[in-house]
Amino acid sequence: MSQELFHFLILDDNKLDCFIAEKVIANTHRSVSIHVFNFGHEALNFLKTTELDPNYRVVLVVDIYMPVINGFEFLKSVLDVIPEQRKGNYVFSFFTSSISEVDVEEAKKISMDIKFHTKPITSATFNAFLDEIQCFS
């Protein structure tokens, strides 16, 4: 089976975490594009104004705990921005310093399949995640 390629959008207020995530993703050699943002409003504006190639799925790698707009608020806003016919083309994943039951329950309220992973992002963790989502394409 050939490896699926993806667009990646990284959203984290911590610049070091963004740098690490970007390098790990680039080293997978499975990216069509990588876009990095430190603020939710910038990432939302990008999604509103940029036409990504629809032949590739979009993987959103998001931190939960950020100022101004947290990961859950970002997810809700993304769901409002993405056209209904394209929503199946998006994969949402939280990479966060801790995963609590409260966070998992909050994600379930949004009623979307969301993957949770703890930081720091490692090549092994990220490749396993990509293999998992490729199985469900």
Protein backbone atom coordinates (compact mmCIF):
# COMPACT_ATOMS: atom_id res chain seq x y z
CA MET A 1 0.00 0.00 0.00
CA SER A 2 1.40 3.41 -0.94
CA GLN A 3 1.64 6.05 1.71
CA GLU A 4 -1.03 8.72 1.64
CA LEU A 5 0.11 12.35 1.47
CA PHE A 6 -1.56 15.08 3.53
CA HIS A 7 -1.80 18.82 4.04
CA PHE A 8 -0.83 19.64 7.63
CA LEU A 9 -1.88 22.59 9.74
CA ILE A 10 -0.11 22.98 13.09
CA LEU A 11 -1.62 25.25 15.73
CA ASP A 12 0.20 25.76 19.01
CA ASP A 13 1.02 28.89 21.00
CA ASN A 14 4.40 27.40 21.93
CA LYS A 15 6.89 28.15 19.15
CA LEU A 16 9.25 25.35 20.20
CA ASP A 17 6.44 22.79 20.02
CA CYS A 18 5.53 24.11 16.57
CA PHE A 19 9.14 23.80 15.44
CA ILE A 20 9.37 20.21 16.70
CA ALA A 21 6.04 19.26 15.12
CA GLU A 22 7.01 20.81 11.81
CA LYS A 23 10.33 18.92 11.71
CA VAL A 24 8.72 15.60 12.70
CA ILE A 25 6.03 16.03 10.04
CA ALA A 26 8.55 17.04 7.37
CA ASN A 27 10.63 13.95 8.17
CA THR A 28 7.66 11.65 7.50
CA HIS A 29 7.86 12.63 3.81
CA ARG A 30 4.06 12.47 3.76
CA SER A 31 3.28 16.16 3.47
CA VAL A 32 2.02 18.05 0.46
CA SER A 33 2.15 21.20 2.58
CA ILE A 34 2.83 22.23 6.19
CA HIS A 35 1.33 25.42 7.63
CA VAL A 36 2.25 26.59 11.14
CA PHE A 37 0.29 29.02 13.31
CA ASN A 38 0.66 30.29 16.86
CA PHE A 39 -2.80 31.87 17.06
CA GLY A 40 -6.18 30.34 16.33
CA HIS A 41 -7.51 33.36 14.46
CA GLU A 42 -4.58 33.17 12.01
CA ALA A 43 -5.23 29.49 11.33
CA LEU A 44 -8.96 30.12 10.87
CA ASN A 45 -8.29 32.98 8.49
CA PHE A 46 -5.96 30.71 6.51
CA LEU A 47 -8.64 28.02 6.25
CA LYS A 48 -11.24 30.61 5.18
CA THR A 49 -9.06 32.18 2.49
CA THR A 50 -6.88 29.35 1.18
CA GLU A 51 -7.97 26.65 -1.23
CA LEU A 52 -6.03 23.51 -0.37
CA ASP A 53 -5.81 20.80 -3.03
CA PRO A 54 -8.91 18.64 -2.36
CA ASN A 55 -7.09 15.52 -3.57
CA TYR A 56 -5.31 15.39 -0.19
CA ARG A 57 -6.78 15.23 3.29
CA VAL A 58 -5.99 17.95 5.80
CA VAL A 59 -4.56 16.96 9.18
CA LEU A 60 -5.03 19.58 11.90
CA VAL A 61 -2.46 19.20 14.69
CA VAL A 62 -3.70 21.38 17.53
CA ASP A 63 -2.81 22.10 21.14
CA ILE A 64 -5.81 22.22 23.49
CA TYR A 65 -4.63 24.82 25.98
CA MET A 66 -3.93 28.11 24.22
CA PRO A 67 -4.79 31.71 25.06
CA VAL A 68 -7.59 33.61 23.31
CA ILE A 69 -9.02 30.59 21.46
CA ASN A 70 -8.43 27.10 22.85
CA GLY A 71 -8.34 23.91 20.81
CA PHE A 72 -12.02 23.12 21.38
CA GLU A 73 -13.14 26.59 20.32
CA PHE A 74 -10.88 26.32 17.29
CA LEU A 75 -12.43 22.98 16.33
CA LYS A 76 -15.95 24.38 16.59
CA SER A 77 -14.94 27.35 14.44
CA VAL A 78 -13.27 25.10 11.86
CA LEU A 79 -16.46 23.06 11.55
CA ASP A 80 -18.31 26.30 10.76
CA VAL A 81 -15.74 27.31 8.13
CA ILE A 82 -15.32 24.04 6.23
CA PRO A 83 -17.94 23.38 3.54
CA GLU A 84 -20.15 20.42 4.47
CA GLN A 85 -18.99 18.34 1.49
CA ARG A 86 -15.32 18.72 2.57
CA LYS A 87 -15.65 17.89 6.29
CA GLY A 88 -14.77 14.24 5.69
CA ASN A 89 -11.48 15.42 4.22
CA TYR A 90 -10.29 16.79 7.59
CA VAL A 91 -8.61 14.86 10.40
CA PHE A 92 -8.47 16.60 13.76
CA SER A 93 -5.83 15.68 16.33
CA PHE A 94 -4.97 17.17 19.68
CA PHE A 95 -1.32 17.03 20.68
CA THR A 96 -1.27 18.25 24.24
CA SER A 97 0.83 18.06 27.38
CA SER A 98 -1.83 16.04 29.19
CA ILE A 99 -4.95 14.15 28.23
CA SER A 100 -7.73 14.24 30.76
CA GLU A 101 -11.12 12.55 30.75
CA VAL A 102 -12.65 16.02 30.85
CA ASP A 103 -10.90 16.85 27.55
CA VAL A 104 -12.03 13.59 25.95
CA GLU A 105 -15.62 14.23 27.05
CA GLU A 106 -15.48 17.80 25.73
CA ALA A 107 -14.28 16.50 22.38
CA LYS A 108 -17.13 13.96 22.23
CA LYS A 109 -19.65 16.79 22.69
CA ILE A 110 -18.42 18.26 19.43
CA SER A 111 -19.28 14.89 17.85
CA MET A 112 -16.26 14.45 15.64
CA ASP A 113 -13.64 11.73 15.64
CA ILE A 114 -10.70 13.42 17.33
CA LYS A 115 -7.37 11.76 18.03
CA PHE A 116 -5.48 12.58 21.24
CA HIS A 117 -1.70 12.36 21.64
CA THR A 118 0.66 13.66 24.31
CA LYS A 119 3.55 15.99 23.63
CA PRO A 120 6.24 16.00 22.65
CA ILE A 121 5.47 14.75 19.18
CA THR A 122 7.86 11.98 18.20
CA SER A 123 8.46 10.42 14.81
CA ALA A 124 7.26 7.02 16.03
CA THR A 125 4.04 8.41 17.50
CA PHE A 126 3.31 10.56 14.48
CA ASN A 127 4.00 7.83 11.92
CA ALA A 128 1.74 5.43 13.83
CA PHE A 129 -0.97 8.13 13.85
CA LEU A 130 -0.64 8.64 10.07
CA ASP A 131 -0.76 4.89 9.44
CA GLU A 132 -3.89 4.67 11.58
CA ILE A 133 -5.73 7.43 9.74
CA GLN A 134 -4.62 6.06 6.37
CA CYS A 135 -6.39 2.80 7.23
CA PHE A 136 -9.65 4.75 7.55
CA SER A 137 -9.40 6.76 4.35
